[in-house]
Amino acid sequence: MNNDTYNVKLIRKEKLDNEYYGFDFEKPEGYSFLEGQYAIFKLADKGIVGKDFRIFSIASTNEDDFIRIATRISNTPSDFKRTLLALEVGEEINVSSPKGKFVLDPEMESVFIAGGIGITPIRSMILYKATHQGCAHDELIYSELESCYPYKSELEHINGLHIDYAADIEPTQSAIRHSVELYHNDAVYYVSGSPGFVKGISGLLVEQGITEDHIRHDLFIGY
């Protein structure tokens, strides 16, 4: 595993929706990743109280010339997130080499299931697949309890991608059952969100007859 780290400059930040914020950083020369992977972002020498790093999935594609992340920042954030939000363009953060096995299977159709900010690695996967293979037979189930959907407009412009929005547990489960009826084990189910979300959705998929080798998941722990 490559354990290199890089100091990268913030090139832009934006408020995406409600408490969701996006950050774009310079992409180091030679930095390459598979869509769906994550990296460790560290705010060194900032006097952070508590952990001075967080794990963020990469929301951009490898073909972009920047590294994009997004996170939820409440009105009472951790010191790390408060400092991250206060970063000015040109200030630096330390980023690790890419990590993780939550990546696309190019031979299978895809059912993407995102809970809240779990959309970030899925955005990366969808944009890559739309460019290289097309998403005509793919589905996104986007679950967000406050009906705030970062990247909604962008994703709705992906040709052929079917999107189900779900603002509660029951419609999320209903959409998943419908997808299972359509795809069975002829697709890979990519589940991304909080540990509780991933555990619950993965369990539901298994109950519906989806084999574990057709379920991939990304856990957002303490993001």
Protein backbone atom coordinates (compact mmCIF):
# COMPACT_ATOMS: atom_id res chain seq x y z
CA MET A 1 0.00 0.00 0.00
CA ASN A 2 1.25 3.47 -0.88
CA ASN A 3 1.54 5.54 2.31
CA ASP A 4 2.71 8.78 0.70
CA THR A 5 1.22 12.06 1.88
CA TYR A 6 0.90 15.37 0.07
CA ASN A 7 0.32 18.98 1.06
CA VAL A 8 -2.40 20.38 -1.20
CA LYS A 9 -3.94 23.84 -1.46
CA LEU A 10 -7.63 24.62 -1.21
CA ILE A 11 -8.80 25.98 -4.55
CA ARG A 12 -12.52 26.45 -3.79
CA LYS A 13 -15.25 25.71 -1.28
CA GLU A 14 -19.01 25.97 -1.44
CA LYS A 15 -22.17 25.36 0.52
CA LEU A 16 -24.00 22.54 -1.24
CA ASP A 17 -27.26 22.35 0.70
CA ASN A 18 -28.36 22.93 4.27
CA GLU A 19 -25.37 21.74 6.38
CA TYR A 20 -23.46 20.14 3.49
CA TYR A 21 -20.22 21.74 2.25
CA GLY A 22 -17.86 20.87 -0.58
CA PHE A 23 -14.11 21.47 -0.85
CA ASP A 24 -11.82 21.20 -3.88
CA PHE A 25 -8.08 20.81 -3.44
CA GLU A 26 -5.16 20.74 -5.83
CA LYS A 27 -4.43 17.30 -7.21
CA PRO A 28 -0.75 16.39 -6.84
CA GLU A 29 1.11 15.33 -9.95
CA GLY A 30 0.85 11.58 -10.35
CA TYR A 31 -1.97 11.23 -7.79
CA SER A 32 -4.21 8.45 -9.08
CA PHE A 33 -7.17 6.66 -7.52
CA LEU A 34 -10.09 4.40 -8.34
CA GLU A 35 -13.52 5.99 -8.14
CA GLY A 36 -15.04 5.14 -4.74
CA GLN A 37 -11.79 5.26 -2.77
CA TYR A 38 -11.06 7.51 0.21
CA ALA A 39 -8.11 9.39 1.65
CA ILE A 40 -7.04 10.70 5.05
CA PHE A 41 -7.09 14.50 5.33
CA LYS A 42 -5.03 16.10 8.10
CA LEU A 43 -4.93 19.69 9.33
CA ALA A 44 -1.41 19.82 10.69
CA ASP A 45 -0.03 22.73 12.72
CA LYS A 46 -3.50 24.22 13.24
CA GLY A 47 -3.75 23.54 16.97
CA ILE A 48 -6.78 21.29 16.50
CA VAL A 49 -8.49 20.20 19.71
CA GLY A 50 -9.11 16.45 19.39
CA LYS A 51 -8.36 14.50 16.22
CA ASP A 52 -6.53 16.58 13.63
CA PHE A 53 -7.53 14.28 10.75
CA ARG A 54 -10.64 12.84 9.12
CA ILE A 55 -11.29 10.18 6.50
CA PHE A 56 -13.20 11.48 3.49
CA SER A 57 -14.32 9.64 0.39
CA ILE A 58 -13.23 11.32 -2.83
CA ALA A 59 -16.20 12.78 -4.69
CA SER A 60 -14.33 13.74 -7.88
CA THR A 61 -13.17 11.36 -10.59
CA ASN A 62 -9.60 10.43 -11.28
CA GLU A 63 -9.81 12.35 -14.55
CA ASP A 64 -10.54 15.63 -12.76
CA ASP A 65 -7.59 17.93 -12.08
CA PHE A 66 -8.66 18.44 -8.45
CA ILE A 67 -9.58 16.35 -5.40
CA ARG A 68 -13.13 16.99 -4.21
CA ILE A 69 -14.58 16.08 -0.82
CA ALA A 70 -17.82 16.98 0.90
CA THR A 71 -19.02 16.72 4.47
CA ARG A 72 -21.79 17.76 6.79
CA ILE A 73 -20.92 20.57 9.20
CA SER A 74 -23.47 21.38 11.89
CA ASN A 75 -23.87 24.57 13.91
CA THR A 76 -21.79 22.94 16.68
CA PRO A 77 -18.95 21.31 14.71
CA SER A 78 -15.84 19.57 15.92
CA ASP A 79 -12.73 21.73 16.03
CA PHE A 80 -11.49 19.92 12.93
CA LYS A 81 -14.59 20.76 10.90
CA ARG A 82 -14.69 24.32 12.21
CA THR A 83 -11.11 24.80 11.05
CA LEU A 84 -11.79 23.07 7.72
CA LEU A 85 -14.72 25.39 7.03
CA ALA A 86 -12.59 28.43 7.92
CA LEU A 87 -9.82 27.51 5.47
CA GLU A 88 -9.10 30.21 2.93
CA VAL A 89 -8.29 29.53 -0.71
CA GLY A 90 -4.56 28.88 -0.94
CA GLU A 91 -4.24 27.35 2.53
CA GLU A 92 -3.00 23.78 2.73
CA ILE A 93 -4.20 20.47 4.06
CA ASN A 94 -2.32 17.18 4.14
CA VAL A 95 -3.83 14.30 2.14
CA SER A 96 -2.78 10.66 2.11
CA SER A 97 -2.52 8.34 -0.84
CA PRO A 98 -5.91 6.85 -1.84
CA LYS A 99 -7.18 3.81 0.01
CA GLY A 100 -10.09 1.38 0.10
CA LYS A 101 -11.79 -1.37 -1.90
CA PHE A 102 -15.18 0.29 -2.43
CA VAL A 103 -14.78 0.43 -6.20
CA LEU A 104 -16.81 -0.31 -9.31
CA ASP A 105 -17.23 -3.70 -10.92
CA PRO A 106 -17.16 -2.75 -14.62
CA GLU A 107 -18.78 -6.01 -15.71
CA MET A 108 -22.02 -5.60 -13.73
CA GLU A 109 -24.98 -3.26 -13.66
CA SER A 110 -25.11 -1.03 -10.58
CA VAL A 111 -27.61 -0.19 -7.88
CA PHE A 112 -26.23 2.71 -5.83
CA ILE A 113 -27.72 3.27 -2.37
CA ALA A 114 -26.58 6.47 -0.66
CA GLY A 115 -27.47 7.69 2.81
CA GLY A 116 -26.88 11.44 3.19
CA ILE A 117 -23.24 12.41 2.67
CA GLY A 118 -22.64 8.81 1.59
CA ILE A 119 -23.34 10.20 -1.88
CA THR A 120 -19.71 11.35 -2.24
CA PRO A 121 -18.02 8.11 -3.39
CA ILE A 122 -21.15 7.19 -5.34
CA ARG A 123 -21.01 10.51 -7.20
CA SER A 124 -17.45 9.64 -8.21
CA MET A 125 -18.50 6.20 -9.44
CA ILE A 126 -21.54 7.46 -11.34
CA LEU A 127 -19.64 10.22 -13.14
CA TYR A 128 -16.92 7.80 -14.16
CA LYS A 129 -19.40 5.19 -15.35
CA ALA A 130 -21.48 7.76 -17.23
CA THR A 131 -18.41 8.83 -19.17
CA HIS A 132 -16.95 5.41 -19.92
CA GLN A 133 -19.83 2.95 -20.02
CA GLY A 134 -23.10 4.80 -19.61
CA CYS A 135 -25.67 4.40 -16.83
CA ALA A 136 -28.69 3.35 -18.90
CA HIS A 137 -29.36 0.31 -16.72
CA ASP A 138 -28.26 1.69 -13.36
CA GLU A 139 -30.24 3.00 -10.40
CA LEU A 140 -29.53 5.43 -7.56
CA ILE A 141 -31.53 5.25 -4.35
CA TYR A 142 -30.77 8.49 -2.52
CA SER A 143 -31.91 8.53 1.11
CA GLU A 144 -31.76 11.76 3.12
CA LEU A 145 -34.10 12.27 6.06
CA GLU A 146 -34.24 16.06 5.68
CA SER A 147 -34.76 15.93 1.90
CA CYS A 148 -31.43 17.67 1.27
CA TYR A 149 -29.69 16.04 -1.68
CA PRO A 150 -26.19 17.30 -2.51
CA TYR A 151 -25.36 17.01 -6.22
CA LYS A 152 -29.05 16.40 -7.06
CA SER A 153 -29.14 18.65 -10.12
CA GLU A 154 -25.89 17.25 -11.49
CA LEU A 155 -26.96 13.64 -11.04
CA GLU A 156 -30.32 14.28 -12.68
CA HIS A 157 -28.45 15.20 -15.87
CA ILE A 158 -26.79 11.77 -16.09
CA ASN A 159 -28.31 10.19 -19.16
CA GLY A 160 -30.31 7.03 -18.37
CA LEU A 161 -29.66 6.98 -14.60
CA HIS A 162 -32.85 6.25 -12.68
CA ILE A 163 -33.04 8.05 -9.33
CA ASP A 164 -35.35 7.33 -6.39
CA TYR A 165 -35.35 9.96 -3.64
CA ALA A 166 -36.34 8.77 -0.19
CA ALA A 167 -36.80 11.05 2.83
CA ASP A 168 -37.60 8.31 5.34
CA ILE A 169 -36.81 4.71 6.20
CA GLU A 170 -39.93 3.16 4.72
CA PRO A 171 -39.61 4.69 1.22
CA THR A 172 -35.92 3.76 1.22
CA GLN A 173 -36.73 0.15 2.00
CA SER A 174 -39.54 0.12 -0.56
CA ALA A 175 -37.22 1.41 -3.29
CA ILE A 176 -34.64 -1.22 -2.41
CA ARG A 177 -37.20 -4.04 -2.57
CA HIS A 178 -38.29 -2.78 -5.98
CA SER A 179 -34.68 -2.75 -7.20
CA VAL A 180 -34.13 -6.27 -5.96
CA GLU A 181 -37.18 -7.41 -7.94
CA LEU A 182 -35.69 -5.85 -11.06
CA TYR A 183 -32.03 -6.80 -10.74
CA HIS A 184 -31.83 -9.75 -8.31
CA ASN A 185 -28.17 -10.86 -8.28
CA ASP A 186 -27.50 -9.50 -11.76
CA ALA A 187 -26.20 -6.22 -10.32
CA VAL A 188 -23.78 -5.04 -7.67
CA TYR A 189 -25.36 -3.07 -4.82
CA TYR A 190 -23.13 -0.23 -3.58
CA VAL A 191 -24.17 0.98 -0.12
CA SER A 192 -22.64 4.14 1.35
CA GLY A 193 -23.55 6.02 4.52
CA SER A 194 -23.38 5.89 8.30
CA PRO A 195 -22.56 2.56 9.99
CA GLY A 196 -26.20 2.11 11.03
CA PHE A 197 -27.44 2.86 7.53
CA VAL A 198 -24.97 0.47 5.89
CA LYS A 199 -25.70 -2.32 8.37
CA GLY A 200 -29.45 -1.97 8.02
CA ILE A 201 -29.47 -1.76 4.23
CA SER A 202 -26.98 -4.60 3.81
CA GLY A 203 -29.12 -6.75 6.09
CA LEU A 204 -32.24 -5.93 4.08
CA LEU A 205 -30.48 -6.86 0.83
CA VAL A 206 -29.42 -10.23 2.26
CA GLU A 207 -32.98 -10.84 3.50
CA GLN A 208 -34.19 -10.17 -0.04
CA GLY A 209 -31.88 -12.85 -1.43
CA ILE A 210 -28.90 -10.76 -2.54
CA THR A 211 -25.67 -12.67 -1.97
CA GLU A 212 -22.91 -10.95 -0.02
CA ASP A 213 -20.53 -11.00 -2.98
CA HIS A 214 -22.97 -8.66 -4.75
CA ILE A 215 -22.97 -6.11 -1.90
CA ARG A 216 -20.22 -3.55 -1.44
CA HIS A 217 -20.26 -0.93 1.26
CA ASP A 218 -18.50 2.19 2.49
CA LEU A 219 -18.82 3.18 6.15
CA PHE A 220 -18.75 6.83 7.23
CA ILE A 221 -17.48 6.68 10.81
CA GLY A 222 -17.13 9.93 12.71
CA TYR A 223 -16.93 12.05 9.58
